[in-house]
Amino acid sequence: MSEAGDRPGDGIVRWFGRHQRVLGVAGLVWLALSSAVYARFISLPDIPFLTDEIALYASAAYNAIWWGFLKPALLRRSSQLRGDGVET
């Protein structure tokens, strides 16, 4: 641990911080694509777990977890790591 304020998960926080835009865009694309397949706007061969309701529900759960919990926690912790002192 290089700094006195380092905690065991800070490496993960930094990794998510570097890739948060990619993770957000991937989640939104996944949700849009799975919704389009579920609504039959896009025709794909039946691939279990990829083209049925499970894909739609999994993408909705991923986005709810990312946008509702992980991203706010990531922003809060990264501001603490930068030393902004922002407590939300």
C-alpha atoms as a PDB file:
ATOM      1  CA  MET A   1       0.000   0.000   0.000  1.00  0.00           C
ATOM      2  CA  SER A   2       1.637   3.155  -1.202  1.00  0.00           C
ATOM      3  CA  GLU A   3      -0.424   5.771   0.605  1.00  0.00           C
ATOM      4  CA  ALA A   4      -1.708   5.901   4.142  1.00  0.00           C
ATOM      5  CA  GLY A   5      -5.283   6.250   2.832  1.00  0.00           C
ATOM      6  CA  ASP A   6      -5.126   3.233   0.527  1.00  0.00           C
ATOM      7  CA  ARG A   7      -7.745   0.595   1.052  1.00  0.00           C
ATOM      8  CA  PRO A   8      -7.779  -2.895  -0.457  1.00  0.00           C
ATOM      9  CA  GLY A   9     -10.298  -2.009  -3.192  1.00  0.00           C
ATOM     10  CA  ASP A  10      -8.633   1.180  -4.403  1.00  0.00           C
ATOM     11  CA  GLY A  11      -6.992  -0.567  -7.357  1.00  0.00           C
ATOM     12  CA  ILE A  12     -10.400  -1.696  -8.543  1.00  0.00           C
ATOM     13  CA  VAL A  13     -11.766   1.816  -8.070  1.00  0.00           C
ATOM     14  CA  ARG A  14      -8.956   3.213 -10.195  1.00  0.00           C
ATOM     15  CA  TRP A  15      -9.563   0.582 -12.906  1.00  0.00           C
ATOM     16  CA  PHE A  16     -13.297   1.338 -13.007  1.00  0.00           C
ATOM     17  CA  GLY A  17     -12.446   5.053 -13.046  1.00  0.00           C
ATOM     18  CA  ARG A  18     -10.303   4.631 -16.135  1.00  0.00           C
ATOM     19  CA  HIS A  19     -12.947   2.523 -17.909  1.00  0.00           C
ATOM     20  CA  GLN A  20     -16.212   4.034 -16.679  1.00  0.00           C
ATOM     21  CA  ARG A  21     -17.155   5.516 -20.067  1.00  0.00           C
ATOM     22  CA  VAL A  22     -16.619   2.186 -21.851  1.00  0.00           C
ATOM     23  CA  LEU A  23     -18.624   0.321 -19.195  1.00  0.00           C
ATOM     24  CA  GLY A  24     -21.486   2.806 -19.402  1.00  0.00           C
ATOM     25  CA  VAL A  25     -21.639   2.805 -23.196  1.00  0.00           C
ATOM     26  CA  ALA A  26     -21.386  -0.999 -23.337  1.00  0.00           C
ATOM     27  CA  GLY A  27     -24.272  -1.325 -20.892  1.00  0.00           C
ATOM     28  CA  LEU A  28     -26.470   1.058 -22.843  1.00  0.00           C
ATOM     29  CA  VAL A  29     -25.667  -0.649 -26.157  1.00  0.00           C
ATOM     30  CA  TRP A  30     -26.386  -4.044 -24.586  1.00  0.00           C
ATOM     31  CA  LEU A  31     -29.740  -2.775 -23.282  1.00  0.00           C
ATOM     32  CA  ALA A  32     -30.699  -1.232 -26.635  1.00  0.00           C
ATOM     33  CA  LEU A  33     -29.679  -4.317 -28.603  1.00  0.00           C
ATOM     34  CA  SER A  34     -31.392  -6.785 -26.276  1.00  0.00           C
ATOM     35  CA  SER A  35     -34.550  -4.638 -26.275  1.00  0.00           C
ATOM     36  CA  ALA A  36     -34.546  -4.522 -30.073  1.00  0.00           C
ATOM     37  CA  VAL A  37     -34.111  -8.301 -30.300  1.00  0.00           C
ATOM     38  CA  TYR A  38     -36.839  -8.891 -27.701  1.00  0.00           C
ATOM     39  CA  ALA A  39     -39.238  -6.564 -29.573  1.00  0.00           C
ATOM     40  CA  ARG A  40     -38.359  -8.360 -32.828  1.00  0.00           C
ATOM     41  CA  PHE A  41     -37.021  -5.201 -34.488  1.00  0.00           C
ATOM     42  CA  ILE A  42     -33.835  -7.147 -35.169  1.00  0.00           C
ATOM     43  CA  SER A  43     -34.033 -10.737 -36.314  1.00  0.00           C
ATOM     44  CA  LEU A  44     -31.351 -13.021 -34.926  1.00  0.00           C
ATOM     45  CA  PRO A  45     -31.198 -16.807 -34.745  1.00  0.00           C
ATOM     46  CA  ASP A  46     -32.354 -18.222 -31.432  1.00  0.00           C
ATOM     47  CA  ILE A  47     -29.288 -18.424 -29.234  1.00  0.00           C
ATOM     48  CA  PRO A  48     -30.109 -19.490 -25.689  1.00  0.00           C
ATOM     49  CA  PHE A  49     -29.371 -16.809 -23.073  1.00  0.00           C
ATOM     50  CA  LEU A  50     -28.386 -14.272 -25.749  1.00  0.00           C
ATOM     51  CA  THR A  51     -31.558 -13.615 -27.728  1.00  0.00           C
ATOM     52  CA  ASP A  52     -34.353 -14.275 -25.264  1.00  0.00           C
ATOM     53  CA  GLU A  53     -35.840 -12.468 -22.269  1.00  0.00           C
ATOM     54  CA  ILE A  54     -32.851 -13.344 -20.096  1.00  0.00           C
ATOM     55  CA  ALA A  55     -30.619 -11.017 -22.126  1.00  0.00           C
ATOM     56  CA  LEU A  56     -33.096  -8.158 -21.683  1.00  0.00           C
ATOM     57  CA  TYR A  57     -33.416  -8.717 -17.938  1.00  0.00           C
ATOM     58  CA  ALA A  58     -29.665  -9.169 -17.484  1.00  0.00           C
ATOM     59  CA  SER A  59     -28.904  -5.941 -19.344  1.00  0.00           C
ATOM     60  CA  ALA A  60     -31.512  -4.062 -17.305  1.00  0.00           C
ATOM     61  CA  ALA A  61     -30.007  -5.442 -14.082  1.00  0.00           C
ATOM     62  CA  TYR A  62     -26.476  -4.535 -15.233  1.00  0.00           C
ATOM     63  CA  ASN A  63     -27.528  -0.960 -15.992  1.00  0.00           C
ATOM     64  CA  ALA A  64     -29.413  -0.609 -12.708  1.00  0.00           C
ATOM     65  CA  ILE A  65     -26.382  -1.811 -10.748  1.00  0.00           C
ATOM     66  CA  TRP A  66     -23.915   0.299 -12.749  1.00  0.00           C
ATOM     67  CA  TRP A  67     -25.840   3.588 -12.882  1.00  0.00           C
ATOM     68  CA  GLY A  68     -27.609   3.238  -9.541  1.00  0.00           C
ATOM     69  CA  PHE A  69     -24.887   1.898  -7.260  1.00  0.00           C
ATOM     70  CA  LEU A  70     -21.421   1.364  -8.706  1.00  0.00           C
ATOM     71  CA  LYS A  71     -20.922   4.616 -10.604  1.00  0.00           C
ATOM     72  CA  PRO A  72     -22.011   6.902  -7.709  1.00  0.00           C
ATOM     73  CA  ALA A  73     -19.850   4.900  -5.279  1.00  0.00           C
ATOM     74  CA  LEU A  74     -16.956   5.041  -7.737  1.00  0.00           C
ATOM     75  CA  LEU A  75     -17.258   8.813  -8.122  1.00  0.00           C
ATOM     76  CA  ARG A  76     -17.466   9.293  -4.356  1.00  0.00           C
ATOM     77  CA  ARG A  77     -14.391   7.135  -3.680  1.00  0.00           C
ATOM     78  CA  SER A  78     -12.352   8.598  -6.542  1.00  0.00           C
ATOM     79  CA  SER A  79     -13.025  12.110  -5.224  1.00  0.00           C
ATOM     80  CA  GLN A  80     -11.743  10.917  -1.835  1.00  0.00           C
ATOM     81  CA  LEU A  81      -8.631   9.492  -3.496  1.00  0.00           C
ATOM     82  CA  ARG A  82      -7.983  12.791  -5.274  1.00  0.00           C
ATOM     83  CA  GLY A  83      -8.351  14.571  -1.974  1.00  0.00           C
ATOM     84  CA  ASP A  84     -11.332  16.700  -2.954  1.00  0.00           C
ATOM     85  CA  GLY A  85     -13.012  15.894   0.325  1.00  0.00           C
ATOM     86  CA  VAL A  86     -16.416  15.617  -1.337  1.00  0.00           C
ATOM     87  CA  GLU A  87     -18.681  13.526   0.860  1.00  0.00           C
ATOM     88  CA  THR A  88     -21.998  12.725  -0.809  1.00  0.00           C
END
